């Protein structure tokens, strides 16, 4: 990415541009996730939900991501230093626009990095044991004003977490696949399809009842 994103909002803008090709299941900016030792934040790893989405993104490379950053308002200082002029062109030069248009050019290529092995290093990947006995978790559960409703939400301390054995993680993952919980986007789409199918069935039932009512009235 040239230039490298300087803020989280700029990284989100890059992610939003990638999402036009399909669902992005993982997006890691090396500025915040030190995957490699020699990175300066100009590289990000994106994993698409489908190979077709990844292929479309690669074909669209290079991708230009527009940014809009507000400029500091310096109109007062210009007015004090330079008296008003009757020339409209000169006034436009002295008072530039408050917004500046920037862009990040993204070169998208296929990565040879082993993302699955990296995800395995995350103790919160797939299944994990809830650490209810940690003092940090208990403190979040007892907070009077902003109390965490579930211990699952309070268990978020990666440095202290230990990964579960792979065989146990695989067993949890098999249950997740059977329940259809591998993708939130897919679960949402399935819910929409089921709701649409239910409405169609209800409409058919109403259409079937109307002729019967007309026959009885006749």
N, C-alpha and C. Protein backbone atom coordinates (compact mmCIF):
# COMPACT_ATOMS: atom_id res chain seq x y z
N UNK A 1 0.85 -1.18 0.00
CA UNK A 1 0.00 0.00 0.00
C UNK A 1 0.89 1.23 0.00
N UNK A 2 0.69 2.10 -0.97
CA UNK A 2 1.48 3.32 -1.10
C UNK A 2 0.56 4.54 -1.20
N UNK A 3 0.67 5.50 -0.28
CA UNK A 3 1.47 5.43 0.95
C UNK A 3 0.81 4.53 1.98
N UNK A 4 1.56 4.16 3.01
CA UNK A 4 1.03 3.28 4.04
C UNK A 4 -0.06 3.99 4.83
N UNK A 5 -1.15 3.29 5.19
CA UNK A 5 -2.19 3.91 6.02
C UNK A 5 -1.61 4.40 7.34
N UNK A 6 -1.98 5.62 7.71
CA UNK A 6 -1.46 6.22 8.94
C UNK A 6 -2.39 6.04 10.13
N UNK A 7 -3.67 5.80 9.86
CA UNK A 7 -4.65 5.68 10.93
C UNK A 7 -5.51 4.44 10.70
N UNK A 8 -6.27 4.09 11.74
CA UNK A 8 -7.19 2.95 11.61
C UNK A 8 -8.29 3.25 10.61
N UNK A 9 -8.73 4.50 10.53
CA UNK A 9 -9.78 4.84 9.57
C UNK A 9 -9.31 4.64 8.13
N UNK A 10 -8.04 4.92 7.86
CA UNK A 10 -7.51 4.68 6.52
C UNK A 10 -7.41 3.18 6.24
N UNK A 11 -7.05 2.40 7.25
CA UNK A 11 -7.03 0.94 7.07
C UNK A 11 -8.44 0.42 6.81
N UNK A 12 -9.43 0.98 7.50
CA UNK A 12 -10.82 0.57 7.26
C UNK A 12 -11.26 0.94 5.85
N UNK A 13 -10.77 2.06 5.34
CA UNK A 13 -11.12 2.44 3.97
C UNK A 13 -10.58 1.43 2.96
N UNK A 14 -9.37 0.93 3.21
CA UNK A 14 -8.80 -0.11 2.34
C UNK A 14 -9.62 -1.39 2.44
N UNK A 15 -10.00 -1.76 3.66
CA UNK A 15 -10.82 -2.96 3.85
C UNK A 15 -12.17 -2.82 3.14
N UNK A 16 -12.79 -1.65 3.24
CA UNK A 16 -14.08 -1.43 2.59
C UNK A 16 -13.96 -1.56 1.08
N UNK A 17 -12.85 -1.10 0.52
CA UNK A 17 -12.66 -1.23 -0.93
C UNK A 17 -12.47 -2.68 -1.33
N UNK A 18 -11.82 -3.47 -0.48
CA UNK A 18 -11.65 -4.89 -0.78
C UNK A 18 -12.97 -5.65 -0.67
N UNK A 19 -13.86 -5.19 0.20
CA UNK A 19 -15.12 -5.89 0.40
C UNK A 19 -16.06 -5.78 -0.78
N UNK A 20 -15.78 -4.89 -1.73
CA UNK A 20 -16.62 -4.82 -2.92
C UNK A 20 -16.44 -6.06 -3.81
N UNK A 21 -15.36 -6.81 -3.61
CA UNK A 21 -15.15 -8.03 -4.37
C UNK A 21 -15.75 -9.26 -3.68
N UNK A 22 -16.11 -9.14 -2.42
CA UNK A 22 -16.67 -10.27 -1.67
C UNK A 22 -16.35 -10.14 -0.19
N UNK A 23 -16.85 -11.09 0.58
CA UNK A 23 -16.64 -11.06 2.02
C UNK A 23 -15.17 -11.30 2.35
N UNK A 24 -14.63 -10.44 3.20
CA UNK A 24 -13.25 -10.58 3.69
C UNK A 24 -13.32 -11.15 5.09
N UNK A 25 -12.89 -12.38 5.25
CA UNK A 25 -12.98 -13.05 6.55
C UNK A 25 -11.87 -12.64 7.49
N UNK A 26 -10.75 -12.13 6.96
CA UNK A 26 -9.63 -11.72 7.81
C UNK A 26 -8.85 -10.62 7.11
N UNK A 27 -8.53 -9.56 7.86
CA UNK A 27 -7.76 -8.44 7.33
C UNK A 27 -6.77 -8.00 8.40
N UNK A 28 -5.48 -8.15 8.13
CA UNK A 28 -4.44 -7.85 9.11
C UNK A 28 -3.48 -6.83 8.52
N UNK A 29 -3.45 -5.64 9.11
CA UNK A 29 -2.47 -4.62 8.73
C UNK A 29 -1.21 -4.87 9.54
N UNK A 30 -0.08 -4.99 8.86
CA UNK A 30 1.17 -5.32 9.56
C UNK A 30 1.64 -4.21 10.48
N UNK A 31 1.01 -3.04 10.40
CA UNK A 31 1.35 -1.97 11.34
C UNK A 31 0.89 -2.32 12.74
N UNK A 32 -0.22 -3.05 12.83
CA UNK A 32 -0.78 -3.41 14.13
C UNK A 32 -0.60 -4.88 14.46
N UNK A 33 -0.35 -5.71 13.45
CA UNK A 33 -0.13 -7.14 13.65
C UNK A 33 1.22 -7.50 13.06
N UNK A 34 2.20 -7.70 13.91
CA UNK A 34 3.56 -7.95 13.45
C UNK A 34 3.70 -9.41 13.01
N UNK A 35 3.25 -9.67 11.79
CA UNK A 35 3.33 -11.02 11.26
C UNK A 35 4.75 -11.31 10.79
N UNK A 36 5.36 -10.35 10.18
CA UNK A 36 6.74 -10.51 9.71
C UNK A 36 7.63 -9.50 10.42
N UNK A 37 8.90 -9.80 10.45
CA UNK A 37 9.83 -8.92 11.17
C UNK A 37 10.13 -7.65 10.39
N UNK A 38 10.20 -7.73 9.08
CA UNK A 38 10.56 -6.57 8.26
C UNK A 38 9.32 -5.98 7.60
N UNK A 39 8.44 -5.37 8.39
CA UNK A 39 7.25 -4.71 7.88
C UNK A 39 7.15 -3.33 8.49
N UNK A 40 6.63 -2.39 7.71
CA UNK A 40 6.50 -1.01 8.18
C UNK A 40 5.08 -0.51 8.11
N UNK A 41 4.11 -1.39 7.97
CA UNK A 41 2.72 -0.96 7.88
C UNK A 41 2.24 -0.76 6.47
N UNK A 42 3.10 -0.93 5.47
CA UNK A 42 2.68 -0.76 4.10
C UNK A 42 2.12 -2.02 3.47
N UNK A 43 1.98 -3.07 4.26
CA UNK A 43 1.49 -4.35 3.77
C UNK A 43 0.34 -4.82 4.65
N UNK A 44 -0.66 -5.40 4.03
CA UNK A 44 -1.78 -5.97 4.76
C UNK A 44 -2.11 -7.33 4.17
N UNK A 45 -2.56 -8.24 5.00
CA UNK A 45 -2.96 -9.57 4.57
C UNK A 45 -4.48 -9.66 4.62
N UNK A 46 -5.07 -10.02 3.49
CA UNK A 46 -6.52 -10.15 3.40
C UNK A 46 -6.87 -11.56 2.94
N UNK A 47 -7.80 -12.18 3.65
CA UNK A 47 -8.28 -13.52 3.30
C UNK A 47 -9.75 -13.39 2.91
N UNK A 48 -10.06 -13.74 1.67
CA UNK A 48 -11.43 -13.67 1.18
C UNK A 48 -12.17 -14.97 1.49
N UNK A 49 -13.49 -14.85 1.56
CA UNK A 49 -14.31 -16.02 1.87
C UNK A 49 -14.30 -17.03 0.73
N UNK A 50 -14.17 -16.55 -0.51
CA UNK A 50 -14.20 -17.45 -1.66
C UNK A 50 -13.01 -17.18 -2.57
N UNK A 51 -12.53 -18.21 -3.28
CA UNK A 51 -11.42 -18.00 -4.23
C UNK A 51 -11.78 -17.05 -5.36
N UNK A 52 -13.07 -17.04 -5.76
CA UNK A 52 -13.49 -16.15 -6.84
C UNK A 52 -13.30 -14.69 -6.45
N UNK A 53 -13.63 -14.36 -5.20
CA UNK A 53 -13.47 -12.98 -4.74
C UNK A 53 -12.01 -12.57 -4.74
N UNK A 54 -11.14 -13.48 -4.30
CA UNK A 54 -9.71 -13.17 -4.30
C UNK A 54 -9.19 -12.98 -5.72
N UNK A 55 -9.64 -13.82 -6.65
CA UNK A 55 -9.20 -13.69 -8.04
C UNK A 55 -9.65 -12.37 -8.65
N UNK A 56 -10.90 -11.96 -8.35
CA UNK A 56 -11.39 -10.69 -8.88
C UNK A 56 -10.60 -9.51 -8.32
N UNK A 57 -10.22 -9.59 -7.05
CA UNK A 57 -9.43 -8.51 -6.45
C UNK A 57 -8.05 -8.43 -7.08
N UNK A 58 -7.44 -9.57 -7.35
CA UNK A 58 -6.11 -9.58 -7.97
C UNK A 58 -6.18 -9.02 -9.39
N UNK A 59 -7.25 -9.35 -10.12
CA UNK A 59 -7.39 -8.84 -11.48
C UNK A 59 -7.61 -7.33 -11.50
N UNK A 60 -8.22 -6.80 -10.44
CA UNK A 60 -8.48 -5.36 -10.38
C UNK A 60 -7.27 -4.55 -9.93
N UNK A 61 -6.18 -5.22 -9.57
CA UNK A 61 -4.97 -4.53 -9.11
C UNK A 61 -4.31 -3.76 -10.26
N UNK A 62 -3.77 -2.56 -10.01
CA UNK A 62 -3.72 -1.85 -8.72
C UNK A 62 -5.05 -1.17 -8.40
N UNK A 63 -5.39 -1.14 -7.12
CA UNK A 63 -6.65 -0.59 -6.65
C UNK A 63 -6.38 0.75 -5.96
N UNK A 64 -7.07 1.78 -6.39
CA UNK A 64 -6.91 3.11 -5.81
C UNK A 64 -8.02 3.36 -4.80
N UNK A 65 -7.63 3.62 -3.55
CA UNK A 65 -8.58 3.86 -2.47
C UNK A 65 -8.58 5.35 -2.17
N UNK A 66 -9.67 6.07 -2.47
CA UNK A 66 -9.70 7.52 -2.20
C UNK A 66 -9.87 7.80 -0.71
N UNK A 67 -9.22 8.86 -0.25
CA UNK A 67 -9.31 9.29 1.15
C UNK A 67 -9.65 10.77 1.16
N UNK A 68 -10.36 11.18 2.18
CA UNK A 68 -10.71 12.59 2.37
C UNK A 68 -10.32 12.98 3.78
N UNK A 69 -9.31 13.83 3.91
CA UNK A 69 -8.82 14.28 5.21
C UNK A 69 -9.07 15.78 5.36
N UNK A 70 -9.71 16.22 6.47
CA UNK A 70 -9.93 17.65 6.66
C UNK A 70 -8.64 18.40 6.94
N UNK A 71 -8.50 19.54 6.33
CA UNK A 71 -7.35 20.40 6.57
C UNK A 71 -7.64 21.35 7.73
N UNK A 72 -6.63 21.75 8.48
CA UNK A 72 -6.86 22.73 9.55
C UNK A 72 -7.32 24.06 8.98
N UNK A 73 -8.27 24.69 9.67
CA UNK A 73 -8.85 25.95 9.20
C UNK A 73 -7.87 27.09 9.48
N UNK A 74 -7.24 27.57 8.45
CA UNK A 74 -6.26 28.66 8.60
C UNK A 74 -6.74 29.93 7.92
N UNK A 75 -8.07 30.04 7.72
CA UNK A 75 -8.59 31.21 7.01
C UNK A 75 -8.39 32.48 7.81
N UNK A 76 -8.48 32.41 9.15
CA UNK A 76 -8.31 33.62 9.96
C UNK A 76 -6.91 34.19 9.83
N UNK A 77 -5.90 33.30 9.84
CA UNK A 77 -4.52 33.78 9.72
C UNK A 77 -4.27 34.40 8.36
N UNK A 78 -4.90 33.82 7.32
CA UNK A 78 -4.72 34.40 5.99
C UNK A 78 -5.35 35.78 5.92
N UNK A 79 -6.50 35.93 6.57
CA UNK A 79 -7.19 37.21 6.52
C UNK A 79 -6.37 38.28 7.23
N UNK A 80 -5.73 37.94 8.33
CA UNK A 80 -4.95 38.91 9.07
C UNK A 80 -3.68 39.30 8.32
N UNK A 81 -3.05 38.33 7.66
CA UNK A 81 -1.79 38.61 6.99
C UNK A 81 -1.99 39.31 5.65
N UNK A 82 -3.11 38.99 4.96
CA UNK A 82 -3.34 39.54 3.63
C UNK A 82 -4.69 40.25 3.64
N UNK A 83 -4.75 41.51 3.33
CA UNK A 83 -6.03 42.22 3.28
C UNK A 83 -6.89 41.69 2.15
N UNK A 84 -8.20 41.93 2.26
CA UNK A 84 -9.13 41.43 1.26
C UNK A 84 -8.85 42.07 -0.08
N UNK A 85 -9.10 41.30 -1.12
CA UNK A 85 -8.84 41.78 -2.48
C UNK A 85 -10.10 41.65 -3.29
N UNK A 86 -10.24 42.49 -4.26
CA UNK A 86 -11.41 42.45 -5.13
C UNK A 86 -11.26 41.42 -6.23
N UNK A 87 -10.10 40.79 -6.33
CA UNK A 87 -9.85 39.80 -7.37
C UNK A 87 -10.32 38.44 -6.88
N UNK A 88 -11.35 37.81 -7.51
CA UNK A 88 -11.84 36.50 -7.04
C UNK A 88 -10.78 35.42 -7.12
N UNK A 89 -9.92 35.47 -8.14
CA UNK A 89 -8.89 34.45 -8.27
C UNK A 89 -7.90 34.52 -7.13
N UNK A 90 -7.56 35.72 -6.72
CA UNK A 90 -6.61 35.88 -5.61
C UNK A 90 -7.24 35.39 -4.31
N UNK A 91 -8.53 35.68 -4.10
CA UNK A 91 -9.20 35.20 -2.89
C UNK A 91 -9.23 33.68 -2.85
N UNK A 92 -9.45 33.04 -3.98
CA UNK A 92 -9.48 31.58 -4.01
C UNK A 92 -8.12 31.00 -3.68
N UNK A 93 -7.05 31.72 -4.06
CA UNK A 93 -5.71 31.23 -3.75
C UNK A 93 -5.39 31.38 -2.27
N UNK A 94 -5.84 32.48 -1.68
CA UNK A 94 -5.54 32.72 -0.28
C UNK A 94 -6.33 31.82 0.64
N UNK A 95 -7.50 31.37 0.22
CA UNK A 95 -8.37 30.55 1.07
C UNK A 95 -8.61 29.20 0.39
N UNK A 96 -7.73 28.24 0.56
CA UNK A 96 -7.90 26.94 -0.09
C UNK A 96 -9.04 26.16 0.54
N UNK A 97 -9.42 25.08 -0.10
CA UNK A 97 -10.50 24.23 0.41
C UNK A 97 -10.11 23.60 1.73
N UNK A 98 -11.13 23.35 2.59
CA UNK A 98 -10.89 22.76 3.91
C UNK A 98 -10.66 21.26 3.85
N UNK A 99 -10.82 20.67 2.68
CA UNK A 99 -10.61 19.23 2.56
C UNK A 99 -9.60 18.95 1.47
N UNK A 100 -8.80 17.95 1.68
CA UNK A 100 -7.80 17.55 0.69
C UNK A 100 -8.03 16.10 0.31
N UNK A 101 -7.94 15.83 -0.96
CA UNK A 101 -8.18 14.48 -1.46
C UNK A 101 -6.87 13.74 -1.57
N UNK A 102 -6.78 12.60 -0.88
CA UNK A 102 -5.62 11.74 -0.97
C UNK A 102 -6.09 10.36 -1.42
N UNK A 103 -5.15 9.52 -1.74
CA UNK A 103 -5.48 8.17 -2.20
C UNK A 103 -4.36 7.22 -1.83
N UNK A 104 -4.73 5.98 -1.61
CA UNK A 104 -3.77 4.91 -1.35
C UNK A 104 -3.86 3.93 -2.51
N UNK A 105 -2.73 3.66 -3.12
CA UNK A 105 -2.69 2.70 -4.23
C UNK A 105 -2.29 1.34 -3.69
N UNK A 106 -3.16 0.37 -3.89
CA UNK A 106 -2.95 -0.99 -3.36
C UNK A 106 -2.62 -1.94 -4.51
N UNK A 107 -1.50 -2.58 -4.41
CA UNK A 107 -1.10 -3.63 -5.35
C UNK A 107 -1.45 -4.97 -4.72
N UNK A 108 -2.38 -5.68 -5.33
CA UNK A 108 -2.91 -6.92 -4.77
C UNK A 108 -2.26 -8.10 -5.47
N UNK A 109 -1.62 -8.95 -4.72
CA UNK A 109 -0.98 -10.15 -5.24
C UNK A 109 -1.31 -11.33 -4.34
N UNK A 110 -1.13 -12.52 -4.87
CA UNK A 110 -1.37 -13.73 -4.08
C UNK A 110 -0.24 -13.91 -3.07
N UNK A 111 -0.61 -14.18 -1.85
CA UNK A 111 0.37 -14.32 -0.77
C UNK A 111 0.75 -15.78 -0.59
N UNK A 112 2.03 -16.00 -0.32
CA UNK A 112 2.53 -17.34 -0.02
C UNK A 112 2.66 -17.59 1.48
N UNK A 113 2.20 -16.63 2.27
CA UNK A 113 2.31 -16.78 3.72
C UNK A 113 1.30 -17.81 4.21
N UNK A 114 1.70 -18.61 5.17
CA UNK A 114 0.84 -19.66 5.71
C UNK A 114 -0.10 -19.04 6.74
N UNK A 115 -1.25 -18.58 6.27
CA UNK A 115 -2.20 -17.91 7.16
C UNK A 115 -2.83 -18.88 8.15
N UNK A 116 -3.03 -20.12 7.73
CA UNK A 116 -3.64 -21.09 8.63
C UNK A 116 -2.74 -21.35 9.83
N UNK A 117 -1.43 -21.45 9.57
CA UNK A 117 -0.50 -21.66 10.68
C UNK A 117 -0.47 -20.45 11.60
N UNK A 118 -0.60 -19.25 11.03
CA UNK A 118 -0.61 -18.06 11.87
C UNK A 118 -1.88 -17.99 12.72
N UNK A 119 -3.02 -18.37 12.13
CA UNK A 119 -4.26 -18.36 12.89
C UNK A 119 -4.23 -19.39 14.01
N UNK A 120 -3.53 -20.48 13.78
CA UNK A 120 -3.41 -21.50 14.82
C UNK A 120 -2.69 -20.96 16.05
N UNK A 121 -1.81 -19.96 15.85
CA UNK A 121 -1.08 -19.39 16.97
C UNK A 121 -1.97 -18.51 17.86
N UNK A 122 -3.10 -18.10 17.34
CA UNK A 122 -4.02 -17.27 18.12
C UNK A 122 -4.78 -18.16 19.10
N UNK A 123 -4.63 -17.95 20.41
CA UNK A 123 -5.31 -18.82 21.37
C UNK A 123 -6.82 -18.71 21.32
N UNK A 124 -7.35 -17.63 20.74
CA UNK A 124 -8.80 -17.46 20.64
C UNK A 124 -9.34 -17.96 19.31
N UNK A 125 -8.49 -18.54 18.49
CA UNK A 125 -8.95 -19.11 17.23
C UNK A 125 -9.65 -20.44 17.50
N UNK A 126 -10.82 -20.63 16.85
CA UNK A 126 -11.62 -21.85 17.04
C UNK A 126 -12.04 -21.95 18.51
N UNK A 127 -11.91 -23.09 19.14
CA UNK A 127 -12.37 -23.25 20.51
C UNK A 127 -11.33 -22.85 21.53
N UNK A 128 -11.79 -22.38 22.70
CA UNK A 128 -10.87 -22.02 23.78
C UNK A 128 -11.60 -22.17 25.11
N UNK A 129 -10.82 -22.44 26.15
CA UNK A 129 -11.36 -22.56 27.49
C UNK A 129 -11.55 -21.17 28.10
N UNK A 130 -12.70 -20.95 28.70
CA UNK A 130 -12.99 -19.66 29.32
C UNK A 130 -12.27 -19.58 30.67
N UNK A 131 -11.49 -18.54 30.85
CA UNK A 131 -10.69 -18.37 32.08
C UNK A 131 -11.48 -17.54 33.09
N UNK A 132 -12.43 -18.17 33.73
CA UNK A 132 -13.28 -17.47 34.70
C UNK A 132 -12.52 -17.11 35.97
N UNK A 133 -11.42 -17.82 36.28
CA UNK A 133 -10.71 -17.60 37.53
C UNK A 133 -9.73 -16.44 37.46
N UNK A 134 -9.48 -15.88 36.29
CA UNK A 134 -8.56 -14.76 36.19
C UNK A 134 -9.13 -13.55 36.92
N UNK A 135 -8.26 -12.82 37.60
CA UNK A 135 -8.69 -11.64 38.34
C UNK A 135 -9.22 -10.56 37.40
N UNK A 136 -8.62 -10.45 36.21
CA UNK A 136 -9.08 -9.44 35.25
C UNK A 136 -10.50 -9.73 34.79
N UNK A 137 -10.78 -11.00 34.52
CA UNK A 137 -12.12 -11.39 34.08
C UNK A 137 -13.13 -11.17 35.19
N UNK A 138 -12.79 -11.56 36.41
CA UNK A 138 -13.70 -11.37 37.53
C UNK A 138 -13.95 -9.89 37.80
N UNK A 139 -12.91 -9.07 37.63
CA UNK A 139 -13.08 -7.63 37.84
C UNK A 139 -14.04 -7.03 36.82
N UNK A 140 -13.94 -7.47 35.56
CA UNK A 140 -14.86 -6.98 34.53
C UNK A 140 -16.28 -7.46 34.78
N UNK A 141 -16.42 -8.64 35.35
CA UNK A 141 -17.75 -9.17 35.65
C UNK A 141 -18.40 -8.44 36.82
N UNK A 142 -17.58 -7.88 37.71
CA UNK A 142 -18.11 -7.22 38.90
C UNK A 142 -18.23 -5.71 38.74
N UNK A 143 -17.83 -5.17 37.61
CA UNK A 143 -17.87 -3.71 37.42
C UNK A 143 -19.30 -3.20 37.60
N UNK A 144 -19.53 -2.21 38.48
CA UNK A 144 -20.91 -1.77 38.76
C UNK A 144 -21.56 -1.02 37.60
N UNK A 145 -20.79 -0.20 36.89
CA UNK A 145 -21.37 0.63 35.84
C UNK A 145 -21.39 -0.07 34.49
N UNK A 146 -20.24 -0.61 34.09
CA UNK A 146 -20.11 -1.26 32.77
C UNK A 146 -19.82 -2.74 32.96
N UNK A 147 -20.71 -3.42 33.58
CA UNK A 147 -20.50 -4.84 33.87
C UNK A 147 -20.62 -5.66 32.59
N UNK A 148 -19.67 -6.57 32.40
CA UNK A 148 -19.71 -7.45 31.24
C UNK A 148 -20.78 -8.52 31.47
N UNK A 149 -21.71 -8.71 30.54
CA UNK A 149 -22.82 -9.65 30.80
C UNK A 149 -22.39 -11.11 30.84
N UNK A 150 -21.37 -11.47 30.06
CA UNK A 150 -20.94 -12.87 29.98
C UNK A 150 -19.43 -12.94 30.15
N UNK A 151 -18.99 -14.05 30.76
CA UNK A 151 -17.55 -14.24 30.95
C UNK A 151 -16.84 -14.40 29.61
N UNK A 152 -17.56 -14.88 28.59
CA UNK A 152 -16.95 -15.04 27.27
C UNK A 152 -16.48 -13.69 26.71
N UNK A 153 -17.18 -12.61 27.05
CA UNK A 153 -16.79 -11.29 26.57
C UNK A 153 -15.63 -10.72 27.38
N UNK A 154 -15.51 -11.11 28.63
CA UNK A 154 -14.45 -10.59 29.48
C UNK A 154 -13.12 -11.31 29.27
N UNK A 155 -13.16 -12.52 28.75
CA UNK A 155 -11.94 -13.30 28.52
C UNK A 155 -11.29 -12.82 27.23
N UNK A 156 -10.41 -11.83 27.33
CA UNK A 156 -9.85 -11.20 26.12
C UNK A 156 -8.38 -10.83 26.29
N UNK A 157 -7.65 -11.56 27.12
CA UNK A 157 -6.25 -11.23 27.39
C UNK A 157 -5.36 -12.25 26.70
N UNK A 158 -4.90 -11.87 25.50
CA UNK A 158 -4.21 -12.81 24.63
C UNK A 158 -2.88 -13.27 25.20
N UNK A 159 -2.14 -12.37 25.84
CA UNK A 159 -0.79 -12.72 26.29
C UNK A 159 -0.80 -13.81 27.36
N UNK A 160 -1.85 -13.90 28.13
CA UNK A 160 -1.91 -14.90 29.19
C UNK A 160 -2.60 -16.18 28.74
N UNK A 161 -3.16 -16.16 27.54
CA UNK A 161 -3.97 -17.29 27.10
C UNK A 161 -3.10 -18.39 26.51
N UNK A 162 -3.48 -19.64 26.79
CA UNK A 162 -2.81 -20.80 26.22
C UNK A 162 -3.75 -21.47 25.22
N UNK A 163 -3.17 -21.91 24.11
CA UNK A 163 -3.98 -22.55 23.08
C UNK A 163 -4.41 -23.94 23.52
N UNK A 164 -5.58 -24.32 23.04
CA UNK A 164 -6.06 -25.68 23.28
C UNK A 164 -5.35 -26.63 22.33
N UNK A 165 -5.27 -27.92 22.68
CA UNK A 165 -4.69 -28.89 21.75
C UNK A 165 -5.43 -28.90 20.42
N UNK A 166 -4.70 -29.14 19.34
CA UNK A 166 -5.31 -29.10 18.01
C UNK A 166 -6.44 -30.12 17.87
N UNK A 167 -6.29 -31.27 18.47
CA UNK A 167 -7.34 -32.30 18.33
C UNK A 167 -8.64 -31.83 18.98
N UNK A 168 -8.53 -31.06 20.08
CA UNK A 168 -9.73 -30.52 20.73
C UNK A 168 -10.32 -29.40 19.89
N UNK A 169 -9.45 -28.55 19.32
CA UNK A 169 -9.94 -27.48 18.46
C UNK A 169 -10.66 -28.04 17.23
N UNK A 170 -10.09 -29.10 16.66
CA UNK A 170 -10.72 -29.70 15.49
C UNK A 170 -12.10 -30.26 15.82
N UNK A 171 -12.24 -30.82 17.02
CA UNK A 171 -13.54 -31.36 17.41
C UNK A 171 -14.57 -30.24 17.57
N UNK A 172 -14.16 -29.13 18.17
CA UNK A 172 -15.06 -27.99 18.29
C UNK A 172 -15.42 -27.43 16.92
N UNK A 173 -14.42 -27.40 16.02
CA UNK A 173 -14.67 -26.85 14.69
C UNK A 173 -15.65 -27.71 13.91
N UNK A 174 -15.58 -29.02 14.06
CA UNK A 174 -16.53 -29.90 13.38
C UNK A 174 -17.96 -29.62 13.84
N UNK A 175 -18.13 -29.38 15.14
CA UNK A 175 -19.46 -29.04 15.64
C UNK A 175 -19.93 -27.69 15.11
N UNK A 176 -18.99 -26.75 14.95
CA UNK A 176 -19.34 -25.44 14.42
C UNK A 176 -19.77 -25.55 12.96
N UNK A 177 -19.08 -26.38 12.19
CA UNK A 177 -19.44 -26.57 10.78
C UNK A 177 -20.82 -27.19 10.67
N UNK A 178 -21.12 -28.17 11.52
CA UNK A 178 -22.44 -28.80 11.48
C UNK A 178 -23.55 -27.80 11.82
N UNK A 179 -23.24 -26.86 12.71
CA UNK A 179 -24.23 -25.86 13.10
C UNK A 179 -24.31 -24.71 12.10
N UNK A 180 -23.42 -24.69 11.10
CA UNK A 180 -23.44 -23.63 10.10
C UNK A 180 -22.91 -22.31 10.60
N UNK A 181 -21.99 -22.33 11.57
CA UNK A 181 -21.50 -21.09 12.16
C UNK A 181 -20.11 -20.70 11.71
N UNK A 182 -19.66 -21.16 10.56
CA UNK A 182 -18.31 -20.80 10.09
C UNK A 182 -18.25 -19.40 9.50
N UNK A 183 -19.39 -18.85 9.10
CA UNK A 183 -19.41 -17.52 8.49
C UNK A 183 -20.66 -16.78 8.95
N UNK A 184 -20.49 -15.62 9.58
CA UNK A 184 -21.64 -14.82 10.01
C UNK A 184 -22.41 -14.30 8.80
N UNK A 185 -21.70 -13.97 7.73
CA UNK A 185 -22.36 -13.50 6.52
C UNK A 185 -23.24 -14.60 5.93
N UNK A 186 -22.73 -15.83 5.92
CA UNK A 186 -23.50 -16.94 5.38
C UNK A 186 -24.72 -17.23 6.25
N UNK A 187 -24.56 -17.14 7.57
CA UNK A 187 -25.71 -17.33 8.46
C UNK A 187 -26.77 -16.26 8.22
N UNK A 188 -26.34 -15.03 7.98
CA UNK A 188 -27.29 -13.95 7.71
C UNK A 188 -28.03 -14.20 6.40
N UNK A 189 -27.30 -14.65 5.37
CA UNK A 189 -27.94 -14.93 4.09
C UNK A 189 -28.93 -16.09 4.21
N UNK A 190 -28.56 -17.12 4.97
CA UNK A 190 -29.47 -18.24 5.18
C UNK A 190 -30.73 -17.79 5.90
N UNK A 191 -30.57 -16.88 6.87
CA UNK A 191 -31.74 -16.36 7.58
C UNK A 191 -32.67 -15.60 6.65
N UNK A 192 -32.10 -14.80 5.73
CA UNK A 192 -32.92 -14.08 4.77
C UNK A 192 -33.66 -15.04 3.84
N UNK A 193 -32.98 -16.10 3.40
CA UNK A 193 -33.61 -17.07 2.51
C UNK A 193 -34.74 -17.81 3.22
N UNK A 194 -34.52 -18.18 4.47
CA UNK A 194 -35.58 -18.86 5.21
C UNK A 194 -36.77 -17.95 5.45
N UNK A 195 -36.51 -16.68 5.75
CA UNK A 195 -37.60 -15.73 5.95
C UNK A 195 -38.39 -15.52 4.66
N UNK A 196 -37.68 -15.44 3.52
CA UNK A 196 -38.35 -15.28 2.24
C UNK A 196 -39.18 -16.52 1.90
N UNK A 197 -38.62 -17.71 2.17
CA UNK A 197 -39.35 -18.94 1.90
C UNK A 197 -40.61 -19.04 2.76
N UNK A 198 -40.52 -18.61 4.02
CA UNK A 198 -41.67 -18.66 4.91
C UNK A 198 -42.77 -17.72 4.43
N UNK A 199 -42.39 -16.53 3.96
CA UNK A 199 -43.39 -15.60 3.45
C UNK A 199 -44.08 -16.16 2.21
N UNK A 200 -43.32 -16.82 1.34
CA UNK A 200 -43.92 -17.42 0.14
C UNK A 200 -44.89 -18.53 0.51
N UNK A 201 -44.53 -19.35 1.50
CA UNK A 201 -45.43 -20.41 1.94
C UNK A 201 -46.70 -19.84 2.55
N UNK A 202 -46.58 -18.78 3.34
CA UNK A 202 -47.76 -18.14 3.93
C UNK A 202 -48.65 -17.55 2.84
N UNK A 203 -48.04 -16.97 1.80
CA UNK A 203 -48.82 -16.40 0.71
C UNK A 203 -49.56 -17.50 -0.05
N UNK A 204 -48.94 -18.66 -0.24
CA UNK A 204 -49.60 -19.78 -0.92
C UNK A 204 -50.77 -20.29 -0.10
N UNK A 205 -50.61 -20.34 1.21
CA UNK A 205 -51.71 -20.79 2.07
C UNK A 205 -52.90 -19.85 1.98
N UNK A 206 -52.65 -18.54 1.93
CA UNK A 206 -53.74 -17.58 1.80
C UNK A 206 -54.44 -17.72 0.46
N UNK A 207 -53.66 -17.93 -0.61
CA UNK A 207 -54.26 -18.11 -1.94
C UNK A 207 -55.10 -19.37 -1.99
N UNK A 208 -54.69 -20.42 -1.27
CA UNK A 208 -55.44 -21.66 -1.27
C UNK A 208 -56.73 -21.54 -0.47
N UNK A 209 -56.76 -20.68 0.53
CA UNK A 209 -57.96 -20.52 1.35
C UNK A 209 -59.01 -19.65 0.67
N UNK A 210 -58.59 -18.71 -0.16
CA UNK A 210 -59.54 -17.79 -0.78
C UNK A 210 -60.52 -18.49 -1.72
N UNK A 211 -60.11 -19.40 -2.61
CA UNK A 211 -61.10 -20.09 -3.46
C UNK A 211 -62.09 -20.90 -2.65
N UNK A 212 -61.65 -21.52 -1.57
CA UNK A 212 -62.55 -22.30 -0.74
C UNK A 212 -63.60 -21.41 -0.09
N UNK A 213 -63.22 -20.20 0.32
CA UNK A 213 -64.18 -19.28 0.91
C UNK A 213 -65.19 -18.82 -0.13
N UNK A 214 -64.74 -18.59 -1.36
CA UNK A 214 -65.67 -18.18 -2.42
C UNK A 214 -66.66 -19.28 -2.74
N UNK A 215 -66.23 -20.54 -2.72
CA UNK A 215 -67.13 -21.67 -2.98
C UNK A 215 -68.19 -21.79 -1.90
N UNK A 216 -67.79 -21.62 -0.66
CA UNK A 216 -68.74 -21.72 0.45
C UNK A 216 -69.78 -20.61 0.39
N UNK A 217 -69.36 -19.41 0.01
CA UNK A 217 -70.30 -18.29 -0.06
C UNK A 217 -71.28 -18.46 -1.21
N UNK A 218 -70.84 -19.12 -2.32
CA UNK A 218 -71.74 -19.35 -3.45
C UNK A 218 -72.77 -20.40 -3.13
